[in-house]
Amino acid sequence: MILRDLKTHLRARGEATLADLARDLDSAPEAVETMLDHWIRRGQAEKRMAACQKSGCCCATKQATLYAWVGKSPR
């Protein structure tokens, strides 16, 4: 997987957990997280905390972290 694949996938989804991205792109979560860090440094993506659900709080888990594409779409 390359950076462009991650960019295309995250832009299409809008936001996703690390586990979802790793599964969808058939890559190790550590590799995906490294590539996400690249897009975060460039201001194209951001890391967000998911809101707690009524049925219980997930704030202590990695599932509570969402990655969102915030970069502009090409013209």
PDB file of N, CA and C in Angstrom:
ATOM      1  N   MET A   1       0.843  -1.178   0.000  1.00  0.00           N
ATOM      2  CA  MET A   1       0.000   0.000   0.000  1.00  0.00           C
ATOM      3  C   MET A   1       0.885   1.237   0.000  1.00  0.00           C
ATOM      4  N   ILE A   2       0.426   2.242  -0.669  1.00  0.00           N
ATOM      5  CA  ILE A   2       1.174   3.490  -0.700  1.00  0.00           C
ATOM      6  C   ILE A   2       0.299   4.622  -0.168  1.00  0.00           C
ATOM      7  N   LEU A   3       0.932   5.738   0.070  1.00  0.00           N
ATOM      8  CA  LEU A   3       0.240   6.891   0.638  1.00  0.00           C
ATOM      9  C   LEU A   3      -1.000   7.287  -0.162  1.00  0.00           C
ATOM     10  N   ARG A   4      -0.899   7.215  -1.453  1.00  0.00           N
ATOM     11  CA  ARG A   4      -2.017   7.615  -2.315  1.00  0.00           C
ATOM     12  C   ARG A   4      -3.245   6.735  -2.076  1.00  0.00           C
ATOM     13  N   ASP A   5      -3.026   5.421  -1.880  1.00  0.00           N
ATOM     14  CA  ASP A   5      -4.149   4.508  -1.622  1.00  0.00           C
ATOM     15  C   ASP A   5      -4.862   4.883  -0.325  1.00  0.00           C
ATOM     16  N   LEU A   6      -4.082   5.185   0.704  1.00  0.00           N
ATOM     17  CA  LEU A   6      -4.661   5.582   1.986  1.00  0.00           C
ATOM     18  C   LEU A   6      -5.434   6.890   1.837  1.00  0.00           C
ATOM     19  N   LYS A   7      -4.847   7.836   1.135  1.00  0.00           N
ATOM     20  CA  LYS A   7      -5.494   9.128   0.910  1.00  0.00           C
ATOM     21  C   LYS A   7      -6.838   8.944   0.200  1.00  0.00           C
ATOM     22  N   THR A   8      -6.852   8.176  -0.860  1.00  0.00           N
ATOM     23  CA  THR A   8      -8.063   7.943  -1.633  1.00  0.00           C
ATOM     24  C   THR A   8      -9.132   7.266  -0.778  1.00  0.00           C
ATOM     25  N   HIS A   9      -8.719   6.273  -0.027  1.00  0.00           N
ATOM     26  CA  HIS A   9      -9.669   5.519   0.793  1.00  0.00           C
ATOM     27  C   HIS A   9     -10.244   6.375   1.928  1.00  0.00           C
ATOM     28  N   LEU A  10      -9.374   7.091   2.641  1.00  0.00           N
ATOM     29  CA  LEU A  10      -9.852   7.908   3.752  1.00  0.00           C
ATOM     30  C   LEU A  10     -10.708   9.064   3.254  1.00  0.00           C
ATOM     31  N   ARG A  11     -10.350   9.638   2.137  1.00  0.00           N
ATOM     32  CA  ARG A  11     -11.155  10.733   1.574  1.00  0.00           C
ATOM     33  C   ARG A  11     -12.553  10.225   1.214  1.00  0.00           C
ATOM     34  N   ALA A  12     -12.637   9.028   0.669  1.00  0.00           N
ATOM     35  CA  ALA A  12     -13.935   8.456   0.295  1.00  0.00           C
ATOM     36  C   ALA A  12     -14.785   8.136   1.521  1.00  0.00           C
ATOM     37  N   ARG A  13     -14.161   7.650   2.582  1.00  0.00           N
ATOM     38  CA  ARG A  13     -14.902   7.292   3.801  1.00  0.00           C
ATOM     39  C   ARG A  13     -15.216   8.502   4.665  1.00  0.00           C
ATOM     40  N   GLY A  14     -14.373   9.503   4.615  1.00  0.00           N
ATOM     41  CA  GLY A  14     -14.556  10.682   5.467  1.00  0.00           C
ATOM     42  C   GLY A  14     -13.824  10.539   6.776  1.00  0.00           C
ATOM     43  N   GLU A  15     -14.143   9.465   7.525  1.00  0.00           N
ATOM     44  CA  GLU A  15     -13.425   9.169   8.757  1.00  0.00           C
ATOM     45  C   GLU A  15     -13.528   7.677   9.044  1.00  0.00           C
ATOM     46  N   ALA A  16     -12.541   7.162   9.762  1.00  0.00           N
ATOM     47  CA  ALA A  16     -12.510   5.733  10.067  1.00  0.00           C
ATOM     48  C   ALA A  16     -11.543   5.477  11.207  1.00  0.00           C
ATOM     49  N   THR A  17     -11.715   4.326  11.864  1.00  0.00           N
ATOM     50  CA  THR A  17     -10.759   3.926  12.900  1.00  0.00           C
ATOM     51  C   THR A  17      -9.530   3.326  12.228  1.00  0.00           C
ATOM     52  N   LEU A  18      -8.459   3.254  12.991  1.00  0.00           N
ATOM     53  CA  LEU A  18      -7.233   2.646  12.491  1.00  0.00           C
ATOM     54  C   LEU A  18      -7.487   1.191  12.112  1.00  0.00           C
ATOM     55  N   ALA A  19      -8.222   0.473  12.946  1.00  0.00           N
ATOM     56  CA  ALA A  19      -8.514  -0.937  12.670  1.00  0.00           C
ATOM     57  C   ALA A  19      -9.289  -1.094  11.360  1.00  0.00           C
ATOM     58  N   ASP A  20     -10.264  -0.220  11.133  1.00  0.00           N
ATOM     59  CA  ASP A  20     -11.037  -0.287   9.892  1.00  0.00           C
ATOM     60  C   ASP A  20     -10.161  -0.024   8.673  1.00  0.00           C
ATOM     61  N   LEU A  21      -9.318   0.985   8.761  1.00  0.00           N
ATOM     62  CA  LEU A  21      -8.429   1.314   7.643  1.00  0.00           C
ATOM     63  C   LEU A  21      -7.457   0.178   7.361  1.00  0.00           C
ATOM     64  N   ALA A  22      -6.878  -0.381   8.418  1.00  0.00           N
ATOM     65  CA  ALA A  22      -5.928  -1.481   8.243  1.00  0.00           C
ATOM     66  C   ALA A  22      -6.618  -2.680   7.586  1.00  0.00           C
ATOM     67  N   ARG A  23      -7.818  -2.990   8.029  1.00  0.00           N
ATOM     68  CA  ARG A  23      -8.564  -4.115   7.463  1.00  0.00           C
ATOM     69  C   ARG A  23      -8.930  -3.836   5.996  1.00  0.00           C
ATOM     70  N   ASP A  24      -9.469  -2.659   5.739  1.00  0.00           N
ATOM     71  CA  ASP A  24      -9.900  -2.315   4.379  1.00  0.00           C
ATOM     72  C   ASP A  24      -8.736  -2.301   3.395  1.00  0.00           C
ATOM     73  N   LEU A  25      -7.563  -1.882   3.862  1.00  0.00           N
ATOM     74  CA  LEU A  25      -6.398  -1.772   2.981  1.00  0.00           C
ATOM     75  C   LEU A  25      -5.473  -2.980   3.068  1.00  0.00           C
ATOM     76  N   ASP A  26      -5.880  -3.981   3.871  1.00  0.00           N
ATOM     77  CA  ASP A  26      -5.118  -5.218   4.022  1.00  0.00           C
ATOM     78  C   ASP A  26      -3.661  -4.924   4.381  1.00  0.00           C
ATOM     79  N   SER A  27      -3.483  -4.110   5.400  1.00  0.00           N
ATOM     80  CA  SER A  27      -2.152  -3.709   5.856  1.00  0.00           C
ATOM     81  C   SER A  27      -2.082  -3.774   7.373  1.00  0.00           C
ATOM     82  N   ALA A  28      -0.876  -3.802   7.885  1.00  0.00           N
ATOM     83  CA  ALA A  28      -0.667  -3.808   9.331  1.00  0.00           C
ATOM     84  C   ALA A  28      -1.069  -2.449   9.905  1.00  0.00           C
ATOM     85  N   PRO A  29      -1.737  -2.437  11.054  1.00  0.00           N
ATOM     86  CA  PRO A  29      -2.135  -1.162  11.657  1.00  0.00           C
ATOM     87  C   PRO A  29      -0.955  -0.217  11.878  1.00  0.00           C
ATOM     88  N   GLU A  30       0.195  -0.758  12.232  1.00  0.00           N
ATOM     89  CA  GLU A  30       1.376   0.082  12.460  1.00  0.00           C
ATOM     90  C   GLU A  30       1.798   0.801  11.181  1.00  0.00           C
ATOM     91  N   ALA A  31       1.720   0.117  10.046  1.00  0.00           N
ATOM     92  CA  ALA A  31       2.083   0.724   8.761  1.00  0.00           C
ATOM     93  C   ALA A  31       1.081   1.817   8.392  1.00  0.00           C
ATOM     94  N   VAL A  32      -0.201   1.540   8.607  1.00  0.00           N
ATOM     95  CA  VAL A  32      -1.231   2.528   8.294  1.00  0.00           C
ATOM     96  C   VAL A  32      -1.081   3.751   9.190  1.00  0.00           C
ATOM     97  N   GLU A  33      -0.798   3.524  10.469  1.00  0.00           N
ATOM     98  CA  GLU A  33      -0.642   4.641  11.400  1.00  0.00           C
ATOM     99  C   GLU A  33       0.538   5.526  11.005  1.00  0.00           C
ATOM    100  N   THR A  34       1.616   4.933  10.544  1.00  0.00           N
ATOM    101  CA  THR A  34       2.777   5.703  10.087  1.00  0.00           C
ATOM    102  C   THR A  34       2.405   6.576   8.893  1.00  0.00           C
ATOM    103  N   MET A  35       1.638   6.012   7.966  1.00  0.00           N
ATOM    104  CA  MET A  35       1.225   6.788   6.797  1.00  0.00           C
ATOM    105  C   MET A  35       0.208   7.867   7.171  1.00  0.00           C
ATOM    106  N   LEU A  36      -0.664   7.566   8.123  1.00  0.00           N
ATOM    107  CA  LEU A  36      -1.598   8.589   8.617  1.00  0.00           C
ATOM    108  C   LEU A  36      -0.839   9.757   9.228  1.00  0.00           C
ATOM    109  N   ASP A  37       0.230   9.454   9.966  1.00  0.00           N
ATOM    110  CA  ASP A  37       1.046  10.515  10.559  1.00  0.00           C
ATOM    111  C   ASP A  37       1.600  11.451   9.485  1.00  0.00           C
ATOM    112  N   HIS A  38       1.956  10.893   8.331  1.00  0.00           N
ATOM    113  CA  HIS A  38       2.438  11.719   7.208  1.00  0.00           C
ATOM    114  C   HIS A  38       1.357  12.718   6.791  1.00  0.00           C
ATOM    115  N   TRP A  39       0.121  12.234   6.593  1.00  0.00           N
ATOM    116  CA  TRP A  39      -0.957  13.114   6.158  1.00  0.00           C
ATOM    117  C   TRP A  39      -1.358  14.105   7.245  1.00  0.00           C
ATOM    118  N   ILE A  40      -1.243  13.703   8.506  1.00  0.00           N
ATOM    119  CA  ILE A  40      -1.530  14.621   9.616  1.00  0.00           C
ATOM    120  C   ILE A  40      -0.507  15.753   9.635  1.00  0.00           C
ATOM    121  N   ARG A  41       0.769  15.426   9.483  1.00  0.00           N
ATOM    122  CA  ARG A  41       1.823  16.459   9.454  1.00  0.00           C
ATOM    123  C   ARG A  41       1.610  17.450   8.317  1.00  0.00           C
ATOM    124  N   ARG A  42       1.061  16.990   7.214  1.00  0.00           N
ATOM    125  CA  ARG A  42       0.812  17.853   6.057  1.00  0.00           C
ATOM    126  C   ARG A  42      -0.505  18.617   6.164  1.00  0.00           C
ATOM    127  N   GLY A  43      -1.262  18.369   7.237  1.00  0.00           N
ATOM    128  CA  GLY A  43      -2.516  19.081   7.441  1.00  0.00           C
ATOM    129  C   GLY A  43      -3.672  18.557   6.611  1.00  0.00           C
ATOM    130  N   GLN A  44      -3.528  17.364   6.055  1.00  0.00           N
ATOM    131  CA  GLN A  44      -4.558  16.796   5.205  1.00  0.00           C
ATOM    132  C   GLN A  44      -5.508  15.862   5.958  1.00  0.00           C
ATOM    133  N   ALA A  45      -5.056  15.356   7.095  1.00  0.00           N
ATOM    134  CA  ALA A  45      -5.877  14.457   7.918  1.00  0.00           C
ATOM    135  C   ALA A  45      -5.726  14.882   9.370  1.00  0.00           C
ATOM    136  N   GLU A  46      -6.652  14.420  10.188  1.00  0.00           N
ATOM    137  CA  GLU A  46      -6.547  14.702  11.612  1.00  0.00           C
ATOM    138  C   GLU A  46      -7.050  13.525  12.431  1.00  0.00           C
ATOM    139  N   LYS A  47      -6.541  13.466  13.644  1.00  0.00           N
ATOM    140  CA  LYS A  47      -6.908  12.419  14.586  1.00  0.00           C
ATOM    141  C   LYS A  47      -7.968  13.013  15.504  1.00  0.00           C
ATOM    142  N   ARG A  48      -9.078  12.286  15.674  1.00  0.00           N
ATOM    143  CA  ARG A  48     -10.184  12.782  16.498  1.00  0.00           C
ATOM    144  C   ARG A  48     -10.585  11.715  17.500  1.00  0.00           C
ATOM    145  N   MET A  49     -11.127  12.157  18.612  1.00  0.00           N
ATOM    146  CA  MET A  49     -11.681  11.231  19.595  1.00  0.00           C
ATOM    147  C   MET A  49     -13.150  11.021  19.254  1.00  0.00           C
ATOM    148  N   ALA A  50     -13.559   9.774  19.215  1.00  0.00           N
ATOM    149  CA  ALA A  50     -14.962   9.454  18.937  1.00  0.00           C
ATOM    150  C   ALA A  50     -15.802   9.795  20.151  1.00  0.00           C
ATOM    151  N   ALA A  51     -17.030  10.159  19.914  1.00  0.00           N
ATOM    152  CA  ALA A  51     -17.953  10.445  21.015  1.00  0.00           C
ATOM    153  C   ALA A  51     -18.330   9.147  21.713  1.00  0.00           C
ATOM    154  N   CYS A  52     -18.535   9.213  22.986  1.00  0.00           N
ATOM    155  CA  CYS A  52     -18.944   8.034  23.752  1.00  0.00           C
ATOM    156  C   CYS A  52     -20.360   7.628  23.368  1.00  0.00           C
ATOM    157  N   GLN A  53     -20.595   6.343  23.363  1.00  0.00           N
ATOM    158  CA  GLN A  53     -21.916   5.805  23.038  1.00  0.00           C
ATOM    159  C   GLN A  53     -22.765   5.729  24.305  1.00  0.00           C
ATOM    160  N   LYS A  54     -24.057   5.734  24.147  1.00  0.00           N
ATOM    161  CA  LYS A  54     -24.964   5.634  25.295  1.00  0.00           C
ATOM    162  C   LYS A  54     -24.777   4.331  26.055  1.00  0.00           C
ATOM    163  N   SER A  55     -24.461   3.254  25.336  1.00  0.00           N
ATOM    164  CA  SER A  55     -24.360   1.941  25.961  1.00  0.00           C
ATOM    165  C   SER A  55     -23.085   1.772  26.777  1.00  0.00           C
ATOM    166  N   GLY A  56     -22.153   2.664  26.632  1.00  0.00           N
ATOM    167  CA  GLY A  56     -20.911   2.564  27.390  1.00  0.00           C
ATOM    168  C   GLY A  56     -19.831   3.413  26.773  1.00  0.00           C
ATOM    169  N   CYS A  57     -18.807   3.635  27.525  1.00  0.00           N
ATOM    170  CA  CYS A  57     -17.717   4.499  27.067  1.00  0.00           C
ATOM    171  C   CYS A  57     -16.583   3.658  26.498  1.00  0.00           C
ATOM    172  N   CYS A  58     -16.044   4.110  25.386  1.00  0.00           N
ATOM    173  CA  CYS A  58     -14.928   3.407  24.763  1.00  0.00           C
ATOM    174  C   CYS A  58     -13.674   4.280  24.768  1.00  0.00           C
ATOM    175  N   CYS A  59     -13.652   5.325  25.548  1.00  0.00           N
ATOM    176  CA  CYS A  59     -12.579   6.307  25.512  1.00  0.00           C
ATOM    177  C   CYS A  59     -11.196   5.740  25.841  1.00  0.00           C
ATOM    178  N   ALA A  60     -11.146   4.656  26.570  1.00  0.00           N
ATOM    179  CA  ALA A  60      -9.856   4.099  26.957  1.00  0.00           C
ATOM    180  C   ALA A  60      -9.264   3.182  25.895  1.00  0.00           C
ATOM    181  N   THR A  61      -9.967   2.966  24.793  1.00  0.00           N
ATOM    182  CA  THR A  61      -9.478   2.048  23.769  1.00  0.00           C
ATOM    183  C   THR A  61      -9.069   2.791  22.517  1.00  0.00           C
ATOM    184  N   LYS A  62      -8.291   2.104  21.675  1.00  0.00           N
ATOM    185  CA  LYS A  62      -7.908   2.701  20.403  1.00  0.00           C
ATOM    186  C   LYS A  62      -9.101   2.854  19.474  1.00  0.00           C
ATOM    187  N   GLN A  63     -10.184   2.094  19.732  1.00  0.00           N
ATOM    188  CA  GLN A  63     -11.378   2.211  18.914  1.00  0.00           C
ATOM    189  C   GLN A  63     -11.998   3.597  19.045  1.00  0.00           C
ATOM    190  N   ALA A  64     -11.638   4.326  20.104  1.00  0.00           N
ATOM    191  CA  ALA A  64     -12.190   5.658  20.322  1.00  0.00           C
ATOM    192  C   ALA A  64     -11.533   6.702  19.426  1.00  0.00           C
ATOM    193  N   THR A  65     -10.454   6.326  18.739  1.00  0.00           N
ATOM    194  CA  THR A  65      -9.741   7.258  17.885  1.00  0.00           C
ATOM    195  C   THR A  65     -10.194   7.112  16.441  1.00  0.00           C
ATOM    196  N   LEU A  66     -10.585   8.225  15.860  1.00  0.00           N
ATOM    197  CA  LEU A  66     -10.971   8.252  14.455  1.00  0.00           C
ATOM    198  C   LEU A  66      -9.964   9.094  13.688  1.00  0.00           C
ATOM    199  N   TYR A  67      -9.747   8.718  12.458  1.00  0.00           N
ATOM    200  CA  TYR A  67      -8.925   9.518  11.559  1.00  0.00           C
ATOM    201  C   TYR A  67      -9.852  10.078  10.503  1.00  0.00           C
ATOM    202  N   ALA A  68      -9.727  11.371  10.237  1.00  0.00           N
ATOM    203  CA  ALA A  68     -10.616  12.041   9.288  1.00  0.00           C
ATOM    204  C   ALA A  68      -9.799  12.771   8.232  1.00  0.00           C
ATOM    205  N   TRP A  69     -10.274  12.741   6.997  1.00  0.00           N
ATOM    206  CA  TRP A  69      -9.645  13.495   5.918  1.00  0.00           C
ATOM    207  C   TRP A  69     -10.193  14.909   5.955  1.00  0.00           C
ATOM    208  N   VAL A  70      -9.318  15.887   6.035  1.00  0.00           N
ATOM    209  CA  VAL A  70      -9.741  17.283   6.090  1.00  0.00           C
ATOM    210  C   VAL A  70      -9.168  18.102   4.929  1.00  0.00           C
ATOM    211  N   GLY A  71      -8.352  17.466   4.110  1.00  0.00           N
ATOM    212  CA  GLY A  71      -7.748  18.144   2.977  1.00  0.00           C
ATOM    213  C   GLY A  71      -8.778  18.461   1.920  1.00  0.00           C
ATOM    214  N   LYS A  72      -8.464  19.424   1.106  1.00  0.00           N
ATOM    215  CA  LYS A  72      -9.373  19.816   0.035  1.00  0.00           C
ATOM    216  C   LYS A  72      -9.303  18.818  -1.101  1.00  0.00           C
ATOM    217  N   SER A  73     -10.428  18.616  -1.755  1.00  0.00           N
ATOM    218  CA  SER A  73     -10.484  17.750  -2.927  1.00  0.00           C
ATOM    219  C   SER A  73      -9.835  18.468  -4.109  1.00  0.00           C
ATOM    220  N   PRO A  74      -9.256  17.697  -5.027  1.00  0.00           N
ATOM    221  CA  PRO A  74      -8.660  18.350  -6.188  1.00  0.00           C
ATOM    222  C   PRO A  74      -9.723  19.022  -7.059  1.00  0.00           C
ATOM    223  N   ARG A  75      -9.333  20.048  -7.736  1.00  0.00           N
ATOM    224  CA  ARG A  75     -10.293  20.794  -8.582  1.00  0.00           C
ATOM    225  C   ARG A  75     -10.607  20.047  -9.830  1.00  0.00           C
TER     226      ARG A  75
END
